[in-house]
Amino acid sequence: MYIKIHGTNTDYGIREVVAVCDENLLGKTIRGNNLQIKISESFYKGEKKSESEIIEILKKSANVNLIGKESVAAGLKAGIISKENVIDIGGIPHAQSFSV
């Protein structure tokens, strides 16, 4: 899996968004249920990490974007999303988790 951490400086401090995707999805566009997502290298391609490494990062993250079976499974194992939060786009699971 790939993980990339995006930092944004706001009036409230630095906010991070963690993007995680399955390796086989990078660069693809998925479509389904009137939705389309381009799994771009600029947003998702960061470092390759193991599932256990990604789970530890996800547990500490406030804003997360997950795409792919392995990535969503890691989010479920980390306890940051539940199955009810997962949507299907063209047979590919996708979930987001945000906290304020």
C-alpha atoms as a PDB file:
ATOM      1  CA  MET A   1       0.000   0.000   0.000  1.00  0.00           C
ATOM      2  CA  TYR A   2       1.005   3.595  -0.537  1.00  0.00           C
ATOM      3  CA  ILE A   3       0.574   6.277   2.103  1.00  0.00           C
ATOM      4  CA  LYS A   4       1.058  10.005   1.670  1.00  0.00           C
ATOM      5  CA  ILE A   5       0.629  12.669   4.306  1.00  0.00           C
ATOM      6  CA  HIS A   6      -0.435  16.100   3.074  1.00  0.00           C
ATOM      7  CA  GLY A   7       0.062  19.041   5.419  1.00  0.00           C
ATOM      8  CA  THR A   8      -1.839  22.301   5.099  1.00  0.00           C
ATOM      9  CA  ASN A   9      -1.119  25.408   7.131  1.00  0.00           C
ATOM     10  CA  THR A  10      -4.369  27.088   8.247  1.00  0.00           C
ATOM     11  CA  ASP A  11      -5.385  29.799  10.706  1.00  0.00           C
ATOM     12  CA  TYR A  12      -5.951  26.952  13.177  1.00  0.00           C
ATOM     13  CA  GLY A  13      -2.530  25.365  12.721  1.00  0.00           C
ATOM     14  CA  ILE A  14      -1.230  22.633  10.502  1.00  0.00           C
ATOM     15  CA  ARG A  15      -3.907  20.195   9.316  1.00  0.00           C
ATOM     16  CA  GLU A  16      -2.978  16.880   7.798  1.00  0.00           C
ATOM     17  CA  VAL A  17      -4.772  14.605   5.378  1.00  0.00           C
ATOM     18  CA  VAL A  18      -3.518  11.036   5.131  1.00  0.00           C
ATOM     19  CA  ALA A  19      -4.122   9.325   1.779  1.00  0.00           C
ATOM     20  CA  VAL A  20      -3.819   5.533   1.505  1.00  0.00           C
ATOM     21  CA  CYS A  21      -4.343   3.412  -1.603  1.00  0.00           C
ATOM     22  CA  ASP A  22      -3.734  -0.128  -2.755  1.00  0.00           C
ATOM     23  CA  GLU A  23      -0.640  -0.363  -4.918  1.00  0.00           C
ATOM     24  CA  ASN A  24      -2.490  -1.881  -7.892  1.00  0.00           C
ATOM     25  CA  LEU A  25      -4.906   1.073  -8.097  1.00  0.00           C
ATOM     26  CA  LEU A  26      -2.363   3.877  -8.434  1.00  0.00           C
ATOM     27  CA  GLY A  27      -2.914   5.865 -11.632  1.00  0.00           C
ATOM     28  CA  LYS A  28      -6.301   4.322 -12.394  1.00  0.00           C
ATOM     29  CA  THR A  29      -9.693   5.971 -12.655  1.00  0.00           C
ATOM     30  CA  ILE A  30     -12.607   4.105 -11.118  1.00  0.00           C
ATOM     31  CA  ARG A  31     -16.257   4.701 -11.968  1.00  0.00           C
ATOM     32  CA  GLY A  32     -19.542   3.503 -10.556  1.00  0.00           C
ATOM     33  CA  ASN A  33     -22.745   4.633  -8.847  1.00  0.00           C
ATOM     34  CA  ASN A  34     -22.550   8.010 -10.625  1.00  0.00           C
ATOM     35  CA  LEU A  35     -19.109   8.627  -9.072  1.00  0.00           C
ATOM     36  CA  GLN A  36     -15.636   8.831 -10.540  1.00  0.00           C
ATOM     37  CA  ILE A  37     -12.298   8.969  -8.715  1.00  0.00           C
ATOM     38  CA  LYS A  38      -8.863   9.334 -10.292  1.00  0.00           C
ATOM     39  CA  ILE A  39      -6.330   7.669  -8.038  1.00  0.00           C
ATOM     40  CA  SER A  40      -3.572  10.109  -8.880  1.00  0.00           C
ATOM     41  CA  GLU A  41       0.082   9.705  -8.027  1.00  0.00           C
ATOM     42  CA  SER A  42       0.225  13.324  -6.854  1.00  0.00           C
ATOM     43  CA  PHE A  43      -2.337  12.641  -4.107  1.00  0.00           C
ATOM     44  CA  TYR A  44      -1.772   8.985  -3.194  1.00  0.00           C
ATOM     45  CA  LYS A  45       1.797   8.006  -4.084  1.00  0.00           C
ATOM     46  CA  GLY A  46       3.978   8.503  -1.077  1.00  0.00           C
ATOM     47  CA  GLU A  47       5.829   5.756   0.700  1.00  0.00           C
ATOM     48  CA  LYS A  48       5.161   2.043   0.433  1.00  0.00           C
ATOM     49  CA  LYS A  49       4.382   0.725   3.909  1.00  0.00           C
ATOM     50  CA  SER A  50       3.254  -2.547   5.441  1.00  0.00           C
ATOM     51  CA  GLU A  51      -0.265  -2.965   6.767  1.00  0.00           C
ATOM     52  CA  SER A  52       0.941  -2.794  10.380  1.00  0.00           C
ATOM     53  CA  GLU A  53       2.877   0.436   9.729  1.00  0.00           C
ATOM     54  CA  ILE A  54      -0.138   2.020   8.045  1.00  0.00           C
ATOM     55  CA  ILE A  55      -2.477   0.971  10.862  1.00  0.00           C
ATOM     56  CA  GLU A  56      -0.238   2.684  13.432  1.00  0.00           C
ATOM     57  CA  ILE A  57      -0.233   5.909  11.386  1.00  0.00           C
ATOM     58  CA  LEU A  58      -4.012   5.767  10.859  1.00  0.00           C
ATOM     59  CA  LYS A  59      -4.652   5.421  14.592  1.00  0.00           C
ATOM     60  CA  LYS A  60      -2.991   8.827  15.080  1.00  0.00           C
ATOM     61  CA  SER A  61      -4.590  10.575  12.092  1.00  0.00           C
ATOM     62  CA  ALA A  62      -7.547  12.933  12.161  1.00  0.00           C
ATOM     63  CA  ASN A  63      -8.301  13.156   8.424  1.00  0.00           C
ATOM     64  CA  VAL A  64      -7.973  10.069   6.251  1.00  0.00           C
ATOM     65  CA  ASN A  65      -8.826   9.074   2.670  1.00  0.00           C
ATOM     66  CA  LEU A  66      -8.726   5.323   1.912  1.00  0.00           C
ATOM     67  CA  ILE A  67      -9.209   3.579  -1.424  1.00  0.00           C
ATOM     68  CA  GLY A  68      -8.906  -0.121  -2.215  1.00  0.00           C
ATOM     69  CA  LYS A  69      -9.599  -3.394  -0.423  1.00  0.00           C
ATOM     70  CA  GLU A  70      -6.319  -3.511   1.513  1.00  0.00           C
ATOM     71  CA  SER A  71      -6.414   0.173   2.447  1.00  0.00           C
ATOM     72  CA  VAL A  72     -10.010   0.102   3.668  1.00  0.00           C
ATOM     73  CA  ALA A  73      -9.281  -3.116   5.592  1.00  0.00           C
ATOM     74  CA  ALA A  74      -6.410  -1.302   7.337  1.00  0.00           C
ATOM     75  CA  GLY A  75      -8.792   1.532   8.261  1.00  0.00           C
ATOM     76  CA  LEU A  76     -11.241  -0.975   9.716  1.00  0.00           C
ATOM     77  CA  LYS A  77      -8.477  -2.705  11.704  1.00  0.00           C
ATOM     78  CA  ALA A  78      -7.245   0.667  12.981  1.00  0.00           C
ATOM     79  CA  GLY A  79     -10.777   1.400  14.198  1.00  0.00           C
ATOM     80  CA  ILE A  80     -11.055   4.738  12.392  1.00  0.00           C
ATOM     81  CA  ILE A  81     -13.955   3.692  10.143  1.00  0.00           C
ATOM     82  CA  SER A  82     -16.773   1.188  10.310  1.00  0.00           C
ATOM     83  CA  LYS A  83     -18.262  -0.942   7.528  1.00  0.00           C
ATOM     84  CA  GLU A  84     -21.225   1.463   7.360  1.00  0.00           C
ATOM     85  CA  ASN A  85     -18.805   4.244   6.292  1.00  0.00           C
ATOM     86  CA  VAL A  86     -17.495   2.343   3.254  1.00  0.00           C
ATOM     87  CA  ILE A  87     -18.907   3.032  -0.192  1.00  0.00           C
ATOM     88  CA  ASP A  88     -18.396   0.985  -3.339  1.00  0.00           C
ATOM     89  CA  ILE A  89     -17.238   2.695  -6.523  1.00  0.00           C
ATOM     90  CA  GLY A  90     -17.060   0.300  -9.435  1.00  0.00           C
ATOM     91  CA  GLY A  91     -16.314  -2.623  -7.137  1.00  0.00           C
ATOM     92  CA  ILE A  92     -13.592  -0.734  -5.240  1.00  0.00           C
ATOM     93  CA  PRO A  93     -14.176   0.179  -1.571  1.00  0.00           C
ATOM     94  CA  HIS A  94     -13.609   3.796  -0.528  1.00  0.00           C
ATOM     95  CA  ALA A  95     -13.895   5.515   2.847  1.00  0.00           C
ATOM     96  CA  GLN A  96     -13.017   8.795   4.484  1.00  0.00           C
ATOM     97  CA  SER A  97     -12.665   9.707   8.120  1.00  0.00           C
ATOM     98  CA  PHE A  98     -12.603  13.281   9.410  1.00  0.00           C
ATOM     99  CA  SER A  99     -12.452  14.751  12.857  1.00  0.00           C
ATOM    100  CA  VAL A 100     -12.557  18.381  13.838  1.00  0.00           C
END
